[in-house]
């Protein structure tokens, strides 16, 4: 599996034609304690860079952008029930949604871990 990152601080891990999306450690650090997440509807289609959800913390609210174009296949109901998962395990149990890729080439244009670390520094 390949993990890539966006300049909007989302991560995406691709497995076949399904990708899992969440927010990065940097994003959750900047937000502080996450208290609410608004997740997209399963079956909804988004274009790359569309707003797909919202994450709210004690400090601020931030949009969650689609790293790639595609259709939402699953949302993390555990995150809806316990938004703090976005803080405690942002790259694991705190994932936001899964998307069926409509253009796998879009993944190649995203940042790798080294480039994202330099961008976020």
PDB file of N, CA and C in Angstrom:
ATOM      1  N   UNK A   1       0.849  -1.200   0.000  1.00  0.00           N
ATOM      2  CA  UNK A   1       0.000   0.000   0.000  1.00  0.00           C
ATOM      3  C   UNK A   1       0.881   1.244   0.000  1.00  0.00           C
ATOM      4  N   UNK A   2       0.398   2.241  -0.666  1.00  0.00           N
ATOM      5  CA  UNK A   2       1.119   3.499  -0.797  1.00  0.00           C
ATOM      6  C   UNK A   2       0.395   4.580  -0.015  1.00  0.00           C
ATOM      7  N   UNK A   3       1.136   5.344   0.787  1.00  0.00           N
ATOM      8  CA  UNK A   3       0.537   6.481   1.488  1.00  0.00           C
ATOM      9  C   UNK A   3       1.094   7.759   0.887  1.00  0.00           C
ATOM     10  N   UNK A   4       0.192   8.682   0.572  1.00  0.00           N
ATOM     11  CA  UNK A   4       0.555   9.993   0.036  1.00  0.00           C
ATOM     12  C   UNK A   4      -0.125  11.058   0.890  1.00  0.00           C
ATOM     13  N   UNK A   5       0.255  12.308   0.670  1.00  0.00           N
ATOM     14  CA  UNK A   5      -0.224  13.423   1.491  1.00  0.00           C
ATOM     15  C   UNK A   5      -0.586  14.608   0.606  1.00  0.00           C
ATOM     16  N   UNK A   6      -1.478  15.467   1.115  1.00  0.00           N
ATOM     17  CA  UNK A   6      -1.845  16.695   0.400  1.00  0.00           C
ATOM     18  C   UNK A   6      -1.302  17.911   1.156  1.00  0.00           C
ATOM     19  N   UNK A   7      -1.267  19.015   0.472  1.00  0.00           N
ATOM     20  CA  UNK A   7      -0.862  20.272   1.112  1.00  0.00           C
ATOM     21  C   UNK A   7      -1.955  20.795   2.040  1.00  0.00           C
ATOM     22  N   UNK A   8      -3.128  20.162   2.016  1.00  0.00           N
ATOM     23  CA  UNK A   8      -4.220  20.509   2.937  1.00  0.00           C
ATOM     24  C   UNK A   8      -4.201  19.610   4.172  1.00  0.00           C
ATOM     25  N   UNK A   9      -3.147  18.781   4.288  1.00  0.00           N
ATOM     26  CA  UNK A   9      -2.904  17.940   5.474  1.00  0.00           C
ATOM     27  C   UNK A   9      -3.840  16.747   5.601  1.00  0.00           C
ATOM     28  N   UNK A  10      -4.229  16.182   4.449  1.00  0.00           N
ATOM     29  CA  UNK A  10      -4.896  14.886   4.437  1.00  0.00           C
ATOM     30  C   UNK A  10      -3.870  13.831   4.029  1.00  0.00           C
ATOM     31  N   UNK A  11      -4.092  12.599   4.497  1.00  0.00           N
ATOM     32  CA  UNK A  11      -3.302  11.463   4.016  1.00  0.00           C
ATOM     33  C   UNK A  11      -4.236  10.538   3.257  1.00  0.00           C
ATOM     34  N   UNK A  12      -3.661   9.766   2.356  1.00  0.00           N
ATOM     35  CA  UNK A  12      -4.428   8.805   1.576  1.00  0.00           C
ATOM     36  C   UNK A  12      -3.572   7.558   1.394  1.00  0.00           C
ATOM     37  N   UNK A  13      -4.153   6.410   1.720  1.00  0.00           N
ATOM     38  CA  UNK A  13      -3.488   5.122   1.520  1.00  0.00           C
ATOM     39  C   UNK A  13      -4.300   4.349   0.491  1.00  0.00           C
ATOM     40  N   UNK A  14      -3.624   3.907  -0.558  1.00  0.00           N
ATOM     41  CA  UNK A  14      -4.292   3.249  -1.672  1.00  0.00           C
ATOM     42  C   UNK A  14      -4.051   1.742  -1.612  1.00  0.00           C
ATOM     43  N   UNK A  15      -5.140   0.994  -1.764  1.00  0.00           N
ATOM     44  CA  UNK A  15      -5.071  -0.463  -1.832  1.00  0.00           C
ATOM     45  C   UNK A  15      -5.965  -0.881  -2.999  1.00  0.00           C
ATOM     46  N   UNK A  16      -5.366  -1.166  -4.137  1.00  0.00           N
ATOM     47  CA  UNK A  16      -6.139  -1.453  -5.344  1.00  0.00           C
ATOM     48  C   UNK A  16      -6.797  -0.181  -5.846  1.00  0.00           C
ATOM     49  N   UNK A  17      -8.128  -0.219  -6.018  1.00  0.00           N
ATOM     50  CA  UNK A  17      -8.834   0.988  -6.470  1.00  0.00           C
ATOM     51  C   UNK A  17      -9.598   1.666  -5.338  1.00  0.00           C
ATOM     52  N   UNK A  18      -9.323   1.237  -4.085  1.00  0.00           N
ATOM     53  CA  UNK A  18      -9.953   1.854  -2.914  1.00  0.00           C
ATOM     54  C   UNK A  18      -8.882   2.580  -2.104  1.00  0.00           C
ATOM     55  N   UNK A  19      -9.195   3.787  -1.705  1.00  0.00           N
ATOM     56  CA  UNK A  19      -8.261   4.584  -0.903  1.00  0.00           C
ATOM     57  C   UNK A  19      -8.929   4.968   0.412  1.00  0.00           C
ATOM     58  N   UNK A  20      -8.135   4.959   1.468  1.00  0.00           N
ATOM     59  CA  UNK A  20      -8.581   5.401   2.789  1.00  0.00           C
ATOM     60  C   UNK A  20      -7.997   6.781   3.028  1.00  0.00           C
ATOM     61  N   UNK A  21      -8.813   7.692   3.572  1.00  0.00           N
ATOM     62  CA  UNK A  21      -8.421   9.092   3.746  1.00  0.00           C
ATOM     63  C   UNK A  21      -8.609   9.510   5.198  1.00  0.00           C
ATOM     64  N   UNK A  22      -7.675  10.321   5.692  1.00  0.00           N
ATOM     65  CA  UNK A  22      -7.785  10.899   7.025  1.00  0.00           C
ATOM     66  C   UNK A  22      -6.963  12.171   7.106  1.00  0.00           C
ATOM     67  N   UNK A  23      -6.854  12.722   8.305  1.00  0.00           N
ATOM     68  CA  UNK A  23      -6.032  13.915   8.493  1.00  0.00           C
ATOM     69  C   UNK A  23      -4.700  13.506   9.116  1.00  0.00           C
ATOM     70  N   UNK A  24      -3.691  14.307   8.869  1.00  0.00           N
ATOM     71  CA  UNK A  24      -2.335  13.991   9.316  1.00  0.00           C
ATOM     72  C   UNK A  24      -2.114  14.359  10.788  1.00  0.00           C
ATOM     73  N   UNK A  25      -0.993  13.873  11.324  1.00  0.00           N
ATOM     74  CA  UNK A  25      -0.591  14.270  12.678  1.00  0.00           C
ATOM     75  C   UNK A  25      -0.479  15.788  12.771  1.00  0.00           C
ATOM     76  N   UNK A  26       0.107  16.405  11.733  1.00  0.00           N
ATOM     77  CA  UNK A  26       0.268  17.866  11.725  1.00  0.00           C
ATOM     78  C   UNK A  26      -1.096  18.564  11.844  1.00  0.00           C
ATOM     79  N   UNK A  27      -2.086  18.069  11.097  1.00  0.00           N
ATOM     80  CA  UNK A  27      -3.423  18.682  11.124  1.00  0.00           C
ATOM     81  C   UNK A  27      -4.059  18.551  12.501  1.00  0.00           C
ATOM     82  N   UNK A  28      -3.996  17.359  13.072  1.00  0.00           N
ATOM     83  CA  UNK A  28      -4.647  17.181  14.378  1.00  0.00           C
ATOM     84  C   UNK A  28      -3.904  17.948  15.463  1.00  0.00           C
ATOM     85  N   UNK A  29      -2.580  18.090  15.338  1.00  0.00           N
ATOM     86  CA  UNK A  29      -1.824  18.920  16.290  1.00  0.00           C
ATOM     87  C   UNK A  29      -2.276  20.374  16.218  1.00  0.00           C
ATOM     88  N   UNK A  30      -2.445  20.881  14.996  1.00  0.00           N
ATOM     89  CA  UNK A  30      -2.852  22.268  14.800  1.00  0.00           C
ATOM     90  C   UNK A  30      -4.275  22.509  15.298  1.00  0.00           C
ATOM     91  N   UNK A  31      -5.146  21.512  15.125  1.00  0.00           N
ATOM     92  CA  UNK A  31      -6.540  21.665  15.532  1.00  0.00           C
ATOM     93  C   UNK A  31      -6.727  21.565  17.041  1.00  0.00           C
ATOM     94  N   UNK A  32      -5.963  20.733  17.690  1.00  0.00           N
ATOM     95  CA  UNK A  32      -6.200  20.468  19.102  1.00  0.00           C
ATOM     96  C   UNK A  32      -7.228  19.360  19.247  1.00  0.00           C
ATOM     97  N   UNK A  33      -7.897  19.310  20.387  1.00  0.00           N
ATOM     98  CA  UNK A  33      -8.831  18.215  20.680  1.00  0.00           C
ATOM     99  C   UNK A  33     -10.031  18.244  19.739  1.00  0.00           C
ATOM    100  N   UNK A  34     -10.148  17.195  18.917  1.00  0.00           N
ATOM    101  CA  UNK A  34     -11.259  17.084  17.972  1.00  0.00           C
ATOM    102  C   UNK A  34     -12.514  16.671  18.738  1.00  0.00           C
ATOM    103  N   UNK A  35     -13.608  17.422  18.506  1.00  0.00           N
ATOM    104  CA  UNK A  35     -14.855  17.169  19.231  1.00  0.00           C
ATOM    105  C   UNK A  35     -16.014  16.746  18.320  1.00  0.00           C
ATOM    106  N   UNK A  36     -15.857  16.913  16.997  1.00  0.00           N
ATOM    107  CA  UNK A  36     -16.933  16.574  16.068  1.00  0.00           C
ATOM    108  C   UNK A  36     -16.352  16.376  14.681  1.00  0.00           C
ATOM    109  N   UNK A  37     -16.885  15.399  13.948  1.00  0.00           N
ATOM    110  CA  UNK A  37     -16.539  15.233  12.542  1.00  0.00           C
ATOM    111  C   UNK A  37     -17.825  15.119  11.733  1.00  0.00           C
ATOM    112  N   UNK A  38     -17.850  15.776  10.599  1.00  0.00           N
ATOM    113  CA  UNK A  38     -18.953  15.677   9.649  1.00  0.00           C
ATOM    114  C   UNK A  38     -18.415  14.888   8.470  1.00  0.00           C
ATOM    115  N   UNK A  39     -18.915  13.661   8.307  1.00  0.00           N
ATOM    116  CA  UNK A  39     -18.415  12.769   7.268  1.00  0.00           C
ATOM    117  C   UNK A  39     -19.348  12.781   6.066  1.00  0.00           C
ATOM    118  N   UNK A  40     -18.813  12.495   4.868  1.00  0.00           N
ATOM    119  CA  UNK A  40     -19.650  12.504   3.660  1.00  0.00           C
ATOM    120  C   UNK A  40     -20.594  11.302   3.629  1.00  0.00           C
ATOM    121  N   UNK A  41     -21.579  11.365   2.734  1.00  0.00           N
ATOM    122  CA  UNK A  41     -22.528  10.267   2.562  1.00  0.00           C
ATOM    123  C   UNK A  41     -21.918   9.192   1.684  1.00  0.00           C
ATOM    124  N   UNK A  42     -22.122   7.931   2.068  1.00  0.00           N
ATOM    125  CA  UNK A  42     -21.702   6.820   1.218  1.00  0.00           C
ATOM    126  C   UNK A  42     -22.452   6.918  -0.107  1.00  0.00           C
ATOM    127  N   UNK A  43     -21.737   6.733  -1.216  1.00  0.00           N
ATOM    128  CA  UNK A  43     -22.334   6.823  -2.545  1.00  0.00           C
ATOM    129  C   UNK A  43     -22.165   8.174  -3.205  1.00  0.00           C
ATOM    130  N   UNK A  44     -21.812   9.182  -2.433  1.00  0.00           N
ATOM    131  CA  UNK A  44     -21.632  10.519  -2.991  1.00  0.00           C
ATOM    132  C   UNK A  44     -20.311  10.584  -3.755  1.00  0.00           C
ATOM    133  N   UNK A  45     -20.314  11.272  -4.877  1.00  0.00           N
ATOM    134  CA  UNK A  45     -19.114  11.447  -5.704  1.00  0.00           C
ATOM    135  C   UNK A  45     -18.530  12.837  -5.481  1.00  0.00           C
ATOM    136  N   UNK A  46     -17.214  12.890  -5.466  1.00  0.00           N
ATOM    137  CA  UNK A  46     -16.510  14.153  -5.285  1.00  0.00           C
ATOM    138  C   UNK A  46     -15.414  14.281  -6.320  1.00  0.00           C
ATOM    139  N   UNK A  47     -15.137  15.513  -6.698  1.00  0.00           N
ATOM    140  CA  UNK A  47     -13.970  15.808  -7.529  1.00  0.00           C
ATOM    141  C   UNK A  47     -12.787  16.084  -6.604  1.00  0.00           C
ATOM    142  N   UNK A  48     -11.598  15.915  -7.128  1.00  0.00           N
ATOM    143  CA  UNK A  48     -10.397  16.213  -6.350  1.00  0.00           C
ATOM    144  C   UNK A  48     -10.478  17.659  -5.840  1.00  0.00           C
ATOM    145  N   UNK A  49     -10.130  17.858  -4.593  1.00  0.00           N
ATOM    146  CA  UNK A  49     -10.099  19.147  -3.895  1.00  0.00           C
ATOM    147  C   UNK A  49     -11.462  19.646  -3.442  1.00  0.00           C
ATOM    148  N   UNK A  50     -12.542  18.905  -3.713  1.00  0.00           N
ATOM    149  CA  UNK A  50     -13.855  19.261  -3.163  1.00  0.00           C
ATOM    150  C   UNK A  50     -13.820  19.091  -1.645  1.00  0.00           C
ATOM    151  N   UNK A  51     -14.644  19.857  -0.942  1.00  0.00           N
ATOM    152  CA  UNK A  51     -14.799  19.666   0.497  1.00  0.00           C
ATOM    153  C   UNK A  51     -15.669  18.435   0.713  1.00  0.00           C
ATOM    154  N   UNK A  52     -15.120  17.438   1.432  1.00  0.00           N
ATOM    155  CA  UNK A  52     -15.842  16.189   1.648  1.00  0.00           C
ATOM    156  C   UNK A  52     -16.335  16.045   3.082  1.00  0.00           C
ATOM    157  N   UNK A  53     -15.827  16.881   3.976  1.00  0.00           N
ATOM    158  CA  UNK A  53     -16.236  16.790   5.367  1.00  0.00           C
ATOM    159  C   UNK A  53     -15.694  17.951   6.163  1.00  0.00           C
ATOM    160  N   UNK A  54     -15.994  17.943   7.442  1.00  0.00           N
ATOM    161  CA  UNK A  54     -15.534  18.995   8.346  1.00  0.00           C
ATOM    162  C   UNK A  54     -15.074  18.340   9.635  1.00  0.00           C
ATOM    163  N   UNK A  55     -14.004  18.877  10.190  1.00  0.00           N
ATOM    164  CA  UNK A  55     -13.538  18.420  11.497  1.00  0.00           C
ATOM    165  C   UNK A  55     -13.543  19.641  12.410  1.00  0.00           C
ATOM    166  N   UNK A  56     -14.155  19.501  13.587  1.00  0.00           N
ATOM    167  CA  UNK A  56     -14.232  20.611  14.532  1.00  0.00           C
ATOM    168  C   UNK A  56     -13.477  20.240  15.797  1.00  0.00           C
ATOM    169  N   UNK A  57     -12.762  21.226  16.308  1.00  0.00           N
ATOM    170  CA  UNK A  57     -12.023  21.018  17.551  1.00  0.00           C
ATOM    171  C   UNK A  57     -12.397  22.109  18.536  1.00  0.00           C
ATOM    172  N   UNK A  58     -11.774  22.050  19.700  1.00  0.00           N
ATOM    173  CA  UNK A  58     -12.029  23.087  20.688  1.00  0.00           C
ATOM    174  C   UNK A  58     -11.491  24.434  20.212  1.00  0.00           C
ATOM    175  N   UNK A  59     -10.546  24.432  19.268  1.00  0.00           N
ATOM    176  CA  UNK A  59      -9.933  25.668  18.769  1.00  0.00           C
ATOM    177  C   UNK A  59     -10.544  26.189  17.482  1.00  0.00           C
ATOM    178  N   UNK A  60     -10.916  25.276  16.565  1.00  0.00           N
ATOM    179  CA  UNK A  60     -11.287  25.714  15.216  1.00  0.00           C
ATOM    180  C   UNK A  60     -12.068  24.627  14.500  1.00  0.00           C
ATOM    181  N   UNK A  61     -12.583  24.990  13.336  1.00  0.00           N
ATOM    182  CA  UNK A  61     -13.176  24.021  12.419  1.00  0.00           C
ATOM    183  C   UNK A  61     -12.369  24.069  11.134  1.00  0.00           C
ATOM    184  N   UNK A  62     -12.227  22.923  10.492  1.00  0.00           N
ATOM    185  CA  UNK A  62     -11.461  22.865   9.252  1.00  0.00           C
ATOM    186  C   UNK A  62     -12.156  21.930   8.275  1.00  0.00           C
ATOM    187  N   UNK A  63     -12.085  22.286   7.000  1.00  0.00           N
ATOM    188  CA  UNK A  63     -12.627  21.433   5.959  1.00  0.00           C
ATOM    189  C   UNK A  63     -11.687  20.263   5.721  1.00  0.00           C
ATOM    190  N   UNK A  64     -12.268  19.143   5.332  1.00  0.00           N
ATOM    191  CA  UNK A  64     -11.504  17.978   4.887  1.00  0.00           C
ATOM    192  C   UNK A  64     -11.721  17.891   3.378  1.00  0.00           C
ATOM    193  N   UNK A  65     -10.631  17.970   2.632  1.00  0.00           N
ATOM    194  CA  UNK A  65     -10.696  18.006   1.172  1.00  0.00           C
ATOM    195  C   UNK A  65     -10.436  16.625   0.577  1.00  0.00           C
ATOM    196  N   UNK A  66     -11.033  16.367  -0.578  1.00  0.00           N
ATOM    197  CA  UNK A  66     -10.811  15.114  -1.289  1.00  0.00           C
ATOM    198  C   UNK A  66      -9.423  15.153  -1.935  1.00  0.00           C
ATOM    199  N   UNK A  67      -8.559  14.215  -1.571  1.00  0.00           N
ATOM    200  CA  UNK A  67      -7.239  14.177  -2.204  1.00  0.00           C
ATOM    201  C   UNK A  67      -7.310  13.722  -3.661  1.00  0.00           C
ATOM    202  N   UNK A  68      -8.362  12.961  -3.984  1.00  0.00           N
ATOM    203  CA  UNK A  68      -8.557  12.421  -5.331  1.00  0.00           C
ATOM    204  C   UNK A  68     -10.045  12.432  -5.664  1.00  0.00           C
ATOM    205  N   UNK A  69     -10.356  12.292  -6.938  1.00  0.00           N
ATOM    206  CA  UNK A  69     -11.751  12.177  -7.360  1.00  0.00           C
ATOM    207  C   UNK A  69     -12.234  10.751  -7.134  1.00  0.00           C
ATOM    208  N   UNK A  70     -13.511  10.616  -6.772  1.00  0.00           N
ATOM    209  CA  UNK A  70     -14.061   9.282  -6.620  1.00  0.00           C
ATOM    210  C   UNK A  70     -15.370   9.263  -5.862  1.00  0.00           C
ATOM    211  N   UNK A  71     -15.806   8.048  -5.551  1.00  0.00           N
ATOM    212  CA  UNK A  71     -17.080   7.823  -4.871  1.00  0.00           C
ATOM    213  C   UNK A  71     -16.822   7.269  -3.474  1.00  0.00           C
ATOM    214  N   UNK A  72     -17.499   7.836  -2.487  1.00  0.00           N
ATOM    215  CA  UNK A  72     -17.369   7.384  -1.102  1.00  0.00           C
ATOM    216  C   UNK A  72     -17.980   5.987  -0.981  1.00  0.00           C
ATOM    217  N   UNK A  73     -17.179   5.049  -0.471  1.00  0.00           N
ATOM    218  CA  UNK A  73     -17.661   3.673  -0.310  1.00  0.00           C
ATOM    219  C   UNK A  73     -17.921   3.319   1.149  1.00  0.00           C
ATOM    220  N   UNK A  74     -17.319   4.069   2.065  1.00  0.00           N
ATOM    221  CA  UNK A  74     -17.467   3.754   3.496  1.00  0.00           C
ATOM    222  C   UNK A  74     -17.036   4.979   4.300  1.00  0.00           C
ATOM    223  N   UNK A  75     -17.667   5.175   5.450  1.00  0.00           N
ATOM    224  CA  UNK A  75     -17.235   6.198   6.399  1.00  0.00           C
ATOM    225  C   UNK A  75     -16.931   5.520   7.728  1.00  0.00           C
ATOM    226  N   UNK A  76     -16.110   6.151   8.523  1.00  0.00           N
ATOM    227  CA  UNK A  76     -15.682   5.588   9.801  1.00  0.00           C
ATOM    228  C   UNK A  76     -16.694   5.970  10.887  1.00  0.00           C
ATOM    229  N   UNK A  77     -17.657   5.081  11.116  1.00  0.00           N
ATOM    230  CA  UNK A  77     -18.688   5.344  12.122  1.00  0.00           C
ATOM    231  C   UNK A  77     -18.079   5.430  13.521  1.00  0.00           C
ATOM    232  N   UNK A  78     -16.988   4.704  13.758  1.00  0.00           N
ATOM    233  CA  UNK A  78     -16.322   4.779  15.069  1.00  0.00           C
ATOM    234  C   UNK A  78     -15.805   6.190  15.323  1.00  0.00           C
ATOM    235  N   UNK A  79     -15.346   6.858  14.273  1.00  0.00           N
ATOM    236  CA  UNK A  79     -14.863   8.237  14.403  1.00  0.00           C
ATOM    237  C   UNK A  79     -16.018   9.184  14.690  1.00  0.00           C
ATOM    238  N   UNK A  80     -17.146   8.941  14.065  1.00  0.00           N
ATOM    239  CA  UNK A  80     -18.335   9.772  14.325  1.00  0.00           C
ATOM    240  C   UNK A  80     -18.730   9.642  15.797  1.00  0.00           C
ATOM    241  N   UNK A  81     -18.660   8.417  16.326  1.00  0.00           N
ATOM    242  CA  UNK A  81     -19.025   8.166  17.721  1.00  0.00           C
ATOM    243  C   UNK A  81     -17.967   8.675  18.696  1.00  0.00           C
ATOM    244  N   UNK A  82     -16.694   8.649  18.283  1.00  0.00           N
ATOM    245  CA  UNK A  82     -15.587   9.062  19.150  1.00  0.00           C
ATOM    246  C   UNK A  82     -14.590   9.897  18.339  1.00  0.00           C
ATOM    247  N   UNK A  83     -14.899  11.194  18.131  1.00  0.00           N
ATOM    248  CA  UNK A  83     -14.045  12.049  17.311  1.00  0.00           C
ATOM    249  C   UNK A  83     -12.600  12.150  17.803  1.00  0.00           C
ATOM    250  N   UNK A  84     -12.363  11.838  19.074  1.00  0.00           N
ATOM    251  CA  UNK A  84     -10.996  11.935  19.596  1.00  0.00           C
ATOM    252  C   UNK A  84     -10.052  10.932  18.933  1.00  0.00           C
ATOM    253  N   UNK A  85     -10.586   9.943  18.217  1.00  0.00           N
ATOM    254  CA  UNK A  85      -9.731   9.019  17.469  1.00  0.00           C
ATOM    255  C   UNK A  85      -8.877   9.762  16.442  1.00  0.00           C
ATOM    256  N   UNK A  86      -9.388  10.904  15.956  1.00  0.00           N
ATOM    257  CA  UNK A  86      -8.604  11.708  15.008  1.00  0.00           C
ATOM    258  C   UNK A  86      -7.347  12.255  15.666  1.00  0.00           C
ATOM    259  N   UNK A  87      -7.365  12.419  16.992  1.00  0.00           N
ATOM    260  CA  UNK A  87      -6.184  12.871  17.729  1.00  0.00           C
ATOM    261  C   UNK A  87      -5.301  11.699  18.155  1.00  0.00           C
ATOM    262  N   UNK A  88      -5.922  10.670  18.717  1.00  0.00           N
ATOM    263  CA  UNK A  88      -5.145   9.587  19.315  1.00  0.00           C
ATOM    264  C   UNK A  88      -4.527   8.654  18.287  1.00  0.00           C
ATOM    265  N   UNK A  89      -5.158   8.495  17.120  1.00  0.00           N
ATOM    266  CA  UNK A  89      -4.649   7.578  16.096  1.00  0.00           C
ATOM    267  C   UNK A  89      -5.030   8.078  14.705  1.00  0.00           C
ATOM    268  N   UNK A  90      -4.523   9.263  14.312  1.00  0.00           N
ATOM    269  CA  UNK A  90      -4.965   9.869  13.056  1.00  0.00           C
ATOM    270  C   UNK A  90      -4.636   9.046  11.814  1.00  0.00           C
ATOM    271  N   UNK A  91      -3.576   8.255  11.863  1.00  0.00           N
ATOM    272  CA  UNK A  91      -3.184   7.466  10.686  1.00  0.00           C
ATOM    273  C   UNK A  91      -3.688   6.025  10.761  1.00  0.00           C
ATOM    274  N   UNK A  92      -4.493   5.725  11.778  1.00  0.00           N
ATOM    275  CA  UNK A  92      -5.020   4.369  11.944  1.00  0.00           C
ATOM    276  C   UNK A  92      -6.506   4.398  12.178  1.00  0.00           C
ATOM    277  N   UNK A  93      -6.921   4.166  13.431  1.00  0.00           N
ATOM    278  CA  UNK A  93      -8.340   4.078  13.787  1.00  0.00           C
ATOM    279  C   UNK A  93      -9.087   5.389  13.540  1.00  0.00           C
ATOM    280  N   UNK A  94      -8.362   6.506  13.385  1.00  0.00           N
ATOM    281  CA  UNK A  94      -8.991   7.807  13.159  1.00  0.00           C
ATOM    282  C   UNK A  94      -9.204   8.159  11.698  1.00  0.00           C
ATOM    283  N   UNK A  95      -9.162   7.166  10.805  1.00  0.00           N
ATOM    284  CA  UNK A  95      -9.430   7.442   9.388  1.00  0.00           C
ATOM    285  C   UNK A  95     -10.836   8.024   9.217  1.00  0.00           C
ATOM    286  N   UNK A  96     -11.056   8.771   8.123  1.00  0.00           N
ATOM    287  CA  UNK A  96     -12.342   9.445   7.910  1.00  0.00           C
ATOM    288  C   UNK A  96     -13.268   8.684   6.962  1.00  0.00           C
ATOM    289  N   UNK A  97     -12.788   8.360   5.772  1.00  0.00           N
ATOM    290  CA  UNK A  97     -13.645   7.692   4.785  1.00  0.00           C
ATOM    291  C   UNK A  97     -12.807   6.929   3.768  1.00  0.00           C
ATOM    292  N   UNK A  98     -13.501   6.065   3.026  1.00  0.00           N
ATOM    293  CA  UNK A  98     -12.875   5.318   1.931  1.00  0.00           C
ATOM    294  C   UNK A  98     -13.533   5.753   0.637  1.00  0.00           C
ATOM    295  N   UNK A  99     -12.728   5.782  -0.405  1.00  0.00           N
ATOM    296  CA  UNK A  99     -13.200   6.273  -1.697  1.00  0.00           C
ATOM    297  C   UNK A  99     -12.728   5.335  -2.804  1.00  0.00           C
ATOM    298  N   UNK A 100     -13.632   5.074  -3.753  1.00  0.00           N
ATOM    299  CA  UNK A 100     -13.255   4.316  -4.948  1.00  0.00           C
ATOM    300  C   UNK A 100     -12.683   5.313  -5.946  1.00  0.00           C
ATOM    301  N   UNK A 101     -11.431   5.107  -6.313  1.00  0.00           N
ATOM    302  CA  UNK A 101     -10.734   6.043  -7.194  1.00  0.00           C
ATOM    303  C   UNK A 101     -11.378   6.089  -8.578  1.00  0.00           C
ATOM    304  N   UNK A 102     -11.539   7.296  -9.105  1.00  0.00           N
ATOM    305  CA  UNK A 102     -12.001   7.419 -10.485  1.00  0.00           C
ATOM    306  C   UNK A 102     -10.838   7.757 -11.410  1.00  0.00           C
ATOM    307  N   UNK A 103      -9.707   8.204 -10.847  1.00  0.00           N
ATOM    308  CA  UNK A 103      -8.506   8.498 -11.646  1.00  0.00           C
ATOM    309  C   UNK A 103      -7.275   8.219 -10.781  1.00  0.00           C
ATOM    310  N   UNK A 104      -6.765   7.006 -10.875  1.00  0.00           N
ATOM    311  CA  UNK A 104      -5.634   6.597 -10.041  1.00  0.00           C
ATOM    312  C   UNK A 104      -4.397   7.450 -10.274  1.00  0.00           C
ATOM    313  N   UNK A 105      -4.287   8.074 -11.432  1.00  0.00           N
ATOM    314  CA  UNK A 105      -3.127   8.916 -11.732  1.00  0.00           C
ATOM    315  C   UNK A 105      -3.054  10.121 -10.799  1.00  0.00           C
ATOM    316  N   UNK A 106      -4.189  10.544 -10.235  1.00  0.00           N
ATOM    317  CA  UNK A 106      -4.180  11.680  -9.316  1.00  0.00           C
ATOM    318  C   UNK A 106      -3.336  11.381  -8.080  1.00  0.00           C
ATOM    319  N   UNK A 107      -3.270  10.125  -7.677  1.00  0.00           N
ATOM    320  CA  UNK A 107      -2.493   9.743  -6.501  1.00  0.00           C
ATOM    321  C   UNK A 107      -1.012  10.045  -6.722  1.00  0.00           C
ATOM    322  N   UNK A 108      -0.529   9.784  -7.932  1.00  0.00           N
ATOM    323  CA  UNK A 108       0.892   9.977  -8.241  1.00  0.00           C
ATOM    324  C   UNK A 108       1.341  11.424  -8.068  1.00  0.00           C
ATOM    325  N   UNK A 109       0.416  12.363  -8.224  1.00  0.00           N
ATOM    326  CA  UNK A 109       0.757  13.787  -8.129  1.00  0.00           C
ATOM    327  C   UNK A 109       0.806  14.292  -6.691  1.00  0.00           C
ATOM    328  N   UNK A 110       0.368  13.471  -5.731  1.00  0.00           N
ATOM    329  CA  UNK A 110       0.369  13.892  -4.330  1.00  0.00           C
ATOM    330  C   UNK A 110       1.768  13.773  -3.737  1.00  0.00           C
ATOM    331  N   UNK A 111       1.951  14.338  -2.549  1.00  0.00           N
ATOM    332  CA  UNK A 111       3.257  14.363  -1.897  1.00  0.00           C
ATOM    333  C   UNK A 111       3.583  13.017  -1.256  1.00  0.00           C
ATOM    334  N   UNK A 112       4.852  12.600  -1.380  1.00  0.00           N
ATOM    335  CA  UNK A 112       5.278  11.421  -0.614  1.00  0.00           C
ATOM    336  C   UNK A 112       5.635  11.882   0.796  1.00  0.00           C
ATOM    337  N   UNK A 113       6.002  10.948   1.663  1.00  0.00           N
ATOM    338  CA  UNK A 113       6.230  11.277   3.065  1.00  0.00           C
ATOM    339  C   UNK A 113       7.345  12.308   3.245  1.00  0.00           C
ATOM    340  N   UNK A 114       8.420  12.173   2.479  1.00  0.00           N
ATOM    341  CA  UNK A 114       9.550  13.110   2.582  1.00  0.00           C
ATOM    342  C   UNK A 114       9.140  14.514   2.147  1.00  0.00           C
ATOM    343  N   UNK A 115       8.424  14.602   1.026  1.00  0.00           N
ATOM    344  CA  UNK A 115       7.993  15.911   0.530  1.00  0.00           C
ATOM    345  C   UNK A 115       6.984  16.551   1.472  1.00  0.00           C
ATOM    346  N   UNK A 116       6.075  15.741   2.044  1.00  0.00           N
ATOM    347  CA  UNK A 116       5.094  16.286   2.978  1.00  0.00           C
ATOM    348  C   UNK A 116       5.776  16.788   4.250  1.00  0.00           C
ATOM    349  N   UNK A 117       6.738  16.022   4.755  1.00  0.00           N
ATOM    350  CA  UNK A 117       7.453  16.429   5.974  1.00  0.00           C
ATOM    351  C   UNK A 117       8.154  17.765   5.745  1.00  0.00           C
ATOM    352  N   UNK A 118       8.751  17.942   4.587  1.00  0.00           N
ATOM    353  CA  UNK A 118       9.421  19.216   4.270  1.00  0.00           C
ATOM    354  C   UNK A 118       8.388  20.329   4.147  1.00  0.00           C
ATOM    355  N   UNK A 119       7.238  20.050   3.525  1.00  0.00           N
ATOM    356  CA  UNK A 119       6.187  21.049   3.376  1.00  0.00           C
ATOM    357  C   UNK A 119       5.629  21.470   4.731  1.00  0.00           C
ATOM    358  N   UNK A 120       5.398  20.499   5.611  1.00  0.00           N
ATOM    359  CA  UNK A 120       4.760  20.768   6.903  1.00  0.00           C
ATOM    360  C   UNK A 120       5.710  21.394   7.922  1.00  0.00           C
ATOM    361  N   UNK A 121       6.994  21.327   7.643  1.00  0.00           N
ATOM    362  CA  UNK A 121       7.992  21.843   8.606  1.00  0.00           C
ATOM    363  C   UNK A 121       7.926  23.356   8.736  1.00  0.00           C
TER     364      UNK A 121
END
